[in-house]
Amino acid sequence: MSVKGIFAEKVSKMMFLELKLERIKDIFGVEVVENVYMPIRSSRMIDKIKAGDNFETIPVDLFIEGMFYILGADREFKYNNSYKIILNTRYNDFIRYIKGIIFKEAQKEEYEEAYIMLKGLISMENNKENFHKLFLLAERLRLNNKDYELEELAMIEEAKNIQGYSAPYLYEAIIKNKNKDFAASLECINRYIAFGGEQTVEVLDLKHNLENIKIYDKGKELLYKKPKEALKYFLSLIDEFQDDAILLYNIAIAYRIVNNHEKAIYYLNEALAIDSDLVEVVNELGINYAALGDYKTSEAYLRKAFEVTKSVEICTNLIMCYINMGNLKQAKLHLNIAEKINPEDEIVIQLKEMLR
């Protein structure tokens, strides 16, 4: 269920008591324009009864809690404006009271209840301190319910309206990073720092990692268009990520494209030493040995890769290898295999014409 649905269900379970205009004025000393249905959390009423309270009238504190609760759970609720007028009659007292209730709910690990009332508090008292507590609760709730991500992002946008407030950008960076939106995450972390956010070890590590990802992504973007430039980006990461087989694999591709096959083979062997299961590395070794004219070694690597993947691309590489070796029997045999895998493949069609 979505967070909005959860909140709506909670509202539906609340008790509502209609108070006439005169009664509201008697209790709170304020005039409103209509009769108001005052909310009470059912669980709180039950708690009072269990505690042995035998009251003839509803305690005002239950109305106070209920109004903050509705303000947090449903910002479009019909009587919200009236609730705000009532809560403003003793603003400081009511704010102090609800903060105490929120604290108690959090102590009992009723984090969702605390979150809803804290969100209601923010609709009355919009400041950094309240948002800081809200984000701590939202982070905890998001661990158990991914739907809280949208809720938290909505509150992050609201918090950005507080001038000079850096925290929302940090929480947004964490969410974007988790969702692998690394460019957006880096932008958020830079804004967090620009707004004076504390540069803790964790923040700086996140920023550094995101910058490395940006460099790596730039290298991948340029790999086939400008391989020499791509190499500059990849090689700048090599000292820090020398055990990253995929980085070494991409470096090898760049060297192969610029026809430096010896270096390509060196980096491919380094990648294979780190992760021997990377079939794409084995295939690349076959391609590079073929480019050097060492078709026997190329055949060994390509056959190994094809046995694992049964890929039409690797099969066509193998066919070309056999053609260059002058082994037309194996070339035709593997062309038949390739046709069974994908008879519509362009390279397969071209090789068929060539061998005909």
Protein backbone atom coordinates (compact mmCIF):
# COMPACT_ATOMS: atom_id res chain seq x y z
CA MET A 1 0.00 0.00 0.00
CA SER A 2 1.24 3.50 -0.81
CA VAL A 3 2.12 5.90 2.00
CA LYS A 4 -0.83 8.09 1.01
CA GLY A 5 -3.08 5.03 1.29
CA ILE A 6 -1.62 4.12 4.69
CA PHE A 7 -2.29 7.64 5.99
CA ALA A 8 -5.83 7.64 4.56
CA GLU A 9 -6.56 4.36 6.32
CA LYS A 10 -5.29 5.77 9.61
CA VAL A 11 -7.53 8.82 9.23
CA SER A 12 -10.52 6.56 8.52
CA LYS A 13 -9.98 4.84 11.87
CA MET A 14 -10.02 8.06 13.89
CA MET A 15 -12.92 9.22 16.01
CA PHE A 16 -14.54 12.57 15.20
CA LEU A 17 -16.69 14.61 17.56
CA GLU A 18 -18.71 17.52 16.18
CA LEU A 19 -18.27 20.72 18.19
CA LYS A 20 -20.62 23.65 17.71
CA LEU A 21 -19.28 27.14 17.17
CA GLU A 22 -20.21 28.15 20.71
CA ARG A 23 -18.51 25.12 22.23
CA ILE A 24 -15.28 25.80 20.31
CA LYS A 25 -15.32 29.37 21.59
CA ASP A 26 -15.88 28.16 25.17
CA ILE A 27 -12.99 25.70 25.03
CA PHE A 28 -10.42 27.53 22.94
CA GLY A 29 -11.57 31.15 23.08
CA VAL A 30 -11.67 31.56 19.33
CA GLU A 31 -14.41 31.98 16.74
CA VAL A 32 -14.53 29.81 13.64
CA VAL A 33 -16.91 30.06 10.70
CA GLU A 34 -18.53 26.63 11.02
CA ASN A 35 -19.11 23.68 13.30
CA VAL A 36 -15.96 21.55 13.36
CA TYR A 37 -15.47 17.81 13.61
CA MET A 38 -12.66 17.41 16.14
CA PRO A 39 -10.40 14.37 15.61
CA ILE A 40 -9.26 11.93 18.28
CA ARG A 41 -6.83 9.08 17.79
CA SER A 42 -8.74 5.93 18.71
CA SER A 43 -5.62 4.34 20.21
CA ARG A 44 -5.20 7.27 22.61
CA MET A 45 -8.80 7.05 23.75
CA ILE A 46 -8.33 3.33 24.41
CA ASP A 47 -5.12 4.02 26.33
CA LYS A 48 -6.96 6.50 28.56
CA ILE A 49 -9.72 3.99 29.28
CA LYS A 50 -7.20 1.23 30.06
CA ALA A 51 -5.45 3.59 32.44
CA GLY A 52 -8.72 3.85 34.38
CA ASP A 53 -9.58 7.41 33.44
CA ASN A 54 -13.30 7.88 33.82
CA PHE A 55 -14.05 11.20 32.20
CA GLU A 56 -17.35 12.79 31.42
CA THR A 57 -15.87 15.07 28.80
CA ILE A 58 -13.09 14.48 26.28
CA PRO A 59 -9.75 15.89 27.49
CA VAL A 60 -8.59 18.82 25.34
CA ASP A 61 -5.16 17.25 24.92
CA LEU A 62 -6.70 14.48 22.79
CA PHE A 63 -8.13 17.11 20.46
CA ILE A 64 -4.72 18.79 20.22
CA GLU A 65 -3.04 15.53 19.24
CA GLY A 66 -5.81 14.72 16.81
CA MET A 67 -5.58 18.05 15.03
CA PHE A 68 -1.80 17.78 14.56
CA TYR A 69 -2.28 14.21 13.41
CA ILE A 70 -4.81 15.18 10.73
CA LEU A 71 -2.62 18.07 9.59
CA GLY A 72 0.17 15.56 8.99
CA ALA A 73 -1.86 12.70 7.55
CA ASP A 74 -4.12 14.65 5.19
CA ARG A 75 -3.16 18.15 4.14
CA GLU A 76 -6.36 18.51 2.14
CA PHE A 77 -8.66 17.67 5.06
CA LYS A 78 -11.79 19.83 5.15
CA TYR A 79 -11.25 21.32 8.62
CA ASN A 80 -7.50 21.94 8.46
CA ASN A 81 -7.86 25.72 8.33
CA SER A 82 -10.11 25.64 11.39
CA TYR A 83 -7.62 23.38 13.18
CA LYS A 84 -4.83 25.86 12.50
CA ILE A 85 -6.92 28.75 13.80
CA ILE A 86 -7.63 26.79 17.00
CA LEU A 87 -3.99 25.69 17.46
CA ASN A 88 -2.81 29.27 17.07
CA THR A 89 -4.82 30.34 20.14
CA ARG A 90 -2.13 28.92 22.44
CA TYR A 91 0.54 28.34 19.88
CA ASN A 92 3.59 27.93 22.15
CA ASP A 93 1.79 25.67 24.62
CA PHE A 94 0.35 23.42 21.93
CA ILE A 95 3.65 23.23 20.02
CA ARG A 96 5.50 22.27 23.19
CA TYR A 97 2.84 19.68 24.06
CA ILE A 98 2.87 17.94 20.66
CA LYS A 99 6.67 17.78 20.63
CA GLY A 100 6.46 15.85 23.88
CA ILE A 101 3.94 13.42 22.37
CA ILE A 102 6.10 12.95 19.26
CA PHE A 103 9.11 12.18 21.46
CA LYS A 104 7.15 9.57 23.42
CA GLU A 105 5.88 7.91 20.24
CA ALA A 106 9.43 7.69 18.89
CA GLN A 107 10.63 6.22 22.19
CA LYS A 108 7.98 3.50 21.85
CA GLU A 109 9.26 2.91 18.29
CA GLU A 110 5.92 4.04 16.89
CA TYR A 111 7.85 5.81 14.16
CA GLU A 112 4.99 6.17 11.70
CA GLU A 113 2.76 7.80 14.32
CA ALA A 114 5.62 10.12 15.31
CA TYR A 115 6.27 10.94 11.65
CA ILE A 116 2.65 11.88 10.95
CA MET A 117 2.40 14.21 13.94
CA LEU A 118 5.79 15.70 13.17
CA LYS A 119 4.61 16.41 9.65
CA GLY A 120 1.56 18.11 11.19
CA LEU A 121 3.86 20.11 13.45
CA ILE A 122 5.81 21.30 10.40
CA SER A 123 2.61 22.66 8.89
CA MET A 124 2.48 24.95 11.94
CA GLU A 125 6.17 25.40 12.77
CA ASN A 126 8.31 25.16 9.65
CA ASN A 127 11.97 25.13 10.72
CA LYS A 128 15.25 23.23 10.33
CA GLU A 129 15.02 21.46 13.69
CA ASN A 130 11.66 19.89 12.89
CA PHE A 131 12.72 18.90 9.39
CA HIS A 132 15.90 17.34 10.75
CA LYS A 133 13.83 15.06 13.00
CA LEU A 134 11.39 14.36 10.18
CA PHE A 135 14.17 13.20 7.85
CA LEU A 136 15.62 10.91 10.52
CA LEU A 137 12.21 9.26 10.87
CA ALA A 138 11.66 9.14 7.11
CA GLU A 139 15.02 7.43 6.58
CA ARG A 140 14.12 4.80 9.14
CA LEU A 141 10.65 4.24 7.66
CA ARG A 142 12.05 4.05 4.12
CA LEU A 143 14.21 1.06 5.11
CA ASN A 144 11.05 -0.97 5.74
CA ASN A 145 8.83 0.53 3.05
CA LYS A 146 10.31 1.74 -0.23
CA ASP A 147 7.13 3.75 -0.87
CA TYR A 148 8.37 6.20 1.76
CA GLU A 149 10.94 7.32 -0.80
CA LEU A 150 8.34 9.42 -2.66
CA GLU A 151 7.05 10.78 0.65
CA GLU A 152 10.55 11.75 1.73
CA LEU A 153 11.35 13.35 -1.63
CA ALA A 154 8.18 15.45 -1.35
CA MET A 155 9.23 16.68 2.10
CA ILE A 156 12.76 17.31 0.79
CA GLU A 157 11.31 19.68 -1.83
CA GLU A 158 9.32 21.42 0.90
CA ALA A 159 12.41 21.78 3.09
CA LYS A 160 14.37 23.41 0.27
CA ASN A 161 12.17 26.47 0.73
CA ILE A 162 13.94 27.19 4.02
CA GLN A 163 16.70 29.63 3.12
CA GLY A 164 20.24 28.33 3.56
CA TYR A 165 19.10 24.88 4.66
CA SER A 166 21.57 22.27 3.36
CA ALA A 167 20.24 18.98 4.82
CA PRO A 168 17.53 18.26 2.22
CA TYR A 169 20.18 18.12 -0.50
CA LEU A 170 22.14 15.51 1.44
CA TYR A 171 19.11 13.28 1.92
CA GLU A 172 18.21 13.71 -1.74
CA ALA A 173 21.78 12.77 -2.72
CA ILE A 174 21.51 9.58 -0.63
CA ILE A 175 18.25 8.57 -2.34
CA LYS A 176 19.52 9.40 -5.84
CA ASN A 177 22.72 7.45 -5.20
CA LYS A 178 20.72 4.46 -3.97
CA ASN A 179 18.69 4.58 -7.20
CA LYS A 180 21.91 4.76 -9.28
CA ASP A 181 21.11 8.26 -10.52
CA PHE A 182 24.72 9.21 -9.91
CA ALA A 183 24.82 12.49 -11.86
CA ALA A 184 21.82 13.85 -9.93
CA SER A 185 23.29 12.60 -6.66
CA LEU A 186 26.58 14.43 -7.30
CA GLU A 187 24.69 17.62 -8.12
CA CYS A 188 22.80 17.32 -4.81
CA ILE A 189 25.93 16.68 -2.75
CA ASN A 190 27.64 19.71 -4.33
CA ARG A 191 24.63 21.86 -3.45
CA TYR A 192 24.68 20.49 0.09
CA ILE A 193 28.31 21.59 0.47
CA ALA A 194 27.64 24.93 -1.24
CA PHE A 195 24.88 25.66 1.29
CA GLY A 196 27.32 25.09 4.15
CA GLY A 197 26.59 21.41 4.89
CA GLU A 198 29.04 19.69 7.22
CA GLN A 199 31.75 17.92 5.22
CA THR A 200 32.00 14.74 7.25
CA VAL A 201 34.11 11.76 6.19
CA GLU A 202 30.95 10.04 4.94
CA VAL A 203 29.92 13.08 2.87
CA LEU A 204 33.38 13.47 1.33
CA ASP A 205 33.57 9.74 0.56
CA LEU A 206 30.20 9.88 -1.18
CA LYS A 207 31.27 12.94 -3.17
CA HIS A 208 34.55 11.29 -4.17
CA ASN A 209 32.83 8.08 -5.28
CA LEU A 210 30.28 10.03 -7.30
CA GLU A 211 33.04 12.04 -9.00
CA ASN A 212 34.81 8.79 -9.94
CA ILE A 213 31.59 7.42 -11.38
CA LYS A 214 31.22 10.62 -13.42
CA ILE A 215 34.74 10.18 -14.81
CA TYR A 216 34.07 6.53 -15.59
CA ASP A 217 30.76 7.30 -17.31
CA LYS A 218 32.45 10.01 -19.39
CA GLY A 219 35.04 7.47 -20.50
CA LYS A 220 32.33 4.99 -21.52
CA GLU A 221 30.51 7.75 -23.41
CA LEU A 222 33.64 8.53 -25.45
CA LEU A 223 34.88 4.94 -25.81
CA TYR A 224 33.84 4.30 -29.41
CA LYS A 225 33.72 7.91 -30.61
CA LYS A 226 37.01 9.21 -29.15
CA PRO A 227 38.92 6.24 -27.68
CA LYS A 228 42.09 8.23 -26.97
CA GLU A 229 40.14 10.69 -24.84
CA ALA A 230 38.29 7.81 -23.18
CA LEU A 231 41.65 6.31 -22.19
CA LYS A 232 42.57 9.52 -20.34
CA TYR A 233 39.45 9.22 -18.21
CA PHE A 234 39.86 5.48 -17.58
CA LEU A 235 43.58 5.66 -16.80
CA SER A 236 43.02 8.46 -14.26
CA LEU A 237 41.10 5.88 -12.20
CA ILE A 238 43.56 3.02 -12.51
CA ASP A 239 45.56 3.69 -9.32
CA GLU A 240 42.45 3.70 -7.18
CA PHE A 241 40.60 0.89 -8.99
CA GLN A 242 43.41 -1.35 -10.21
CA ASP A 243 41.42 -4.38 -9.00
CA ASP A 244 38.32 -3.45 -10.98
CA ALA A 245 38.10 -5.98 -13.82
CA ILE A 246 35.44 -4.04 -15.73
CA LEU A 247 37.57 -0.87 -15.74
CA LEU A 248 40.52 -2.88 -17.09
CA TYR A 249 38.23 -4.42 -19.71
CA ASN A 250 37.13 -0.98 -20.92
CA ILE A 251 40.73 0.22 -21.05
CA ALA A 252 41.52 -2.82 -23.20
CA ILE A 253 38.67 -2.03 -25.59
CA ALA A 254 39.99 1.52 -26.01
CA TYR A 255 43.49 0.23 -26.78
CA ARG A 256 42.07 -2.29 -29.27
CA ILE A 257 40.14 0.47 -31.08
CA VAL A 258 43.34 2.54 -31.46
CA ASN A 259 45.10 -0.64 -32.72
CA ASN A 260 47.40 -1.07 -29.73
CA HIS A 261 46.59 -4.74 -29.38
CA GLU A 262 49.57 -5.63 -27.20
CA LYS A 263 48.43 -3.22 -24.49
CA ALA A 264 44.86 -4.38 -24.91
CA ILE A 265 45.97 -7.96 -24.27
CA TYR A 266 47.96 -6.88 -21.22
CA TYR A 267 44.93 -5.24 -19.60
CA LEU A 268 42.66 -8.12 -20.57
CA ASN A 269 44.97 -10.58 -18.85
CA GLU A 270 44.98 -8.34 -15.78
CA ALA A 271 41.17 -8.33 -15.81
CA LEU A 272 41.06 -12.11 -16.24
CA ALA A 273 43.39 -12.56 -13.26
CA ILE A 274 40.86 -10.64 -11.13
CA ASP A 275 37.73 -12.31 -12.50
CA SER A 276 38.18 -15.44 -14.61
CA ASP A 277 34.42 -15.70 -15.27
CA LEU A 278 34.16 -12.59 -17.46
CA VAL A 279 33.32 -14.10 -20.85
CA GLU A 280 33.49 -10.71 -22.55
CA VAL A 281 37.16 -10.49 -21.56
CA VAL A 282 37.86 -13.91 -23.08
CA ASN A 283 36.11 -12.83 -26.29
CA GLU A 284 38.16 -9.62 -26.43
CA LEU A 285 41.36 -11.64 -26.07
CA GLY A 286 40.29 -13.67 -29.09
CA ILE A 287 39.60 -10.53 -31.12
CA ASN A 288 42.97 -8.96 -30.24
CA TYR A 289 45.02 -12.08 -31.00
CA ALA A 290 43.21 -12.33 -34.33
CA ALA A 291 44.14 -8.73 -35.08
CA LEU A 292 47.79 -9.65 -34.45
CA GLY A 293 47.48 -12.60 -36.83
CA ASP A 294 47.77 -15.21 -34.07
CA TYR A 295 44.67 -17.11 -35.16
CA LYS A 296 45.49 -20.28 -33.26
CA THR A 297 45.47 -18.45 -29.91
CA SER A 298 42.46 -16.44 -31.05
CA GLU A 299 40.57 -19.64 -31.85
CA ALA A 300 41.22 -21.05 -28.36
CA TYR A 301 39.82 -17.96 -26.62
CA LEU A 302 36.83 -17.58 -28.95
CA ARG A 303 35.88 -21.27 -28.63
CA LYS A 304 36.04 -20.98 -24.85
CA ALA A 305 33.80 -17.89 -24.89
CA PHE A 306 31.34 -19.44 -27.35
CA GLU A 307 31.00 -22.65 -25.33
CA VAL A 308 29.79 -20.56 -22.40
CA THR A 309 27.52 -18.06 -24.16
CA LYS A 310 26.39 -19.64 -27.45
CA SER A 311 26.33 -16.03 -28.65
CA VAL A 312 25.90 -15.34 -32.36
CA GLU A 313 28.37 -12.44 -32.10
CA ILE A 314 31.11 -14.66 -30.71
CA CYS A 315 30.22 -17.38 -33.21
CA THR A 316 30.72 -14.96 -36.12
CA ASN A 317 34.08 -13.89 -34.63
CA LEU A 318 35.03 -17.56 -34.57
CA ILE A 319 33.93 -18.02 -38.19
CA MET A 320 36.14 -15.10 -39.28
CA CYS A 321 39.01 -16.65 -37.36
CA TYR A 322 38.56 -19.94 -39.23
CA ILE A 323 38.35 -18.13 -42.58
CA ASN A 324 41.64 -16.38 -41.85
CA MET A 325 43.18 -19.71 -40.85
CA GLY A 326 41.99 -21.21 -44.14
CA ASN A 327 39.87 -23.76 -42.29
CA LEU A 328 36.74 -23.52 -44.41
CA LYS A 329 35.32 -26.76 -43.06
CA GLN A 330 35.09 -25.34 -39.52
CA ALA A 331 33.98 -21.98 -40.89
CA LYS A 332 31.01 -23.55 -42.67
CA LEU A 333 30.20 -25.78 -39.70
CA HIS A 334 30.05 -22.77 -37.39
CA LEU A 335 28.09 -20.77 -39.96
CA ASN A 336 25.39 -23.45 -39.77
CA ILE A 337 25.43 -23.08 -35.98
CA ALA A 338 25.18 -19.28 -36.27
CA GLU A 339 22.23 -19.57 -38.66
CA LYS A 340 20.39 -21.72 -36.15
CA ILE A 341 21.02 -19.12 -33.44
CA ASN A 342 19.93 -16.10 -35.50
CA PRO A 343 19.46 -16.45 -39.25
CA GLU A 344 18.53 -12.74 -39.53
CA ASP A 345 21.81 -11.46 -38.08
CA GLU A 346 23.49 -9.12 -40.59
CA ILE A 347 26.98 -10.54 -40.05
CA VAL A 348 25.67 -14.08 -40.46
CA ILE A 349 24.07 -13.09 -43.80
CA GLN A 350 27.33 -11.43 -44.96
CA LEU A 351 29.42 -14.46 -43.97
CA LYS A 352 26.99 -16.74 -45.79
CA GLU A 353 27.49 -14.74 -48.98
CA MET A 354 31.25 -14.73 -48.46
CA LEU A 355 31.47 -18.51 -47.99
CA ARG A 356 29.11 -19.20 -50.90
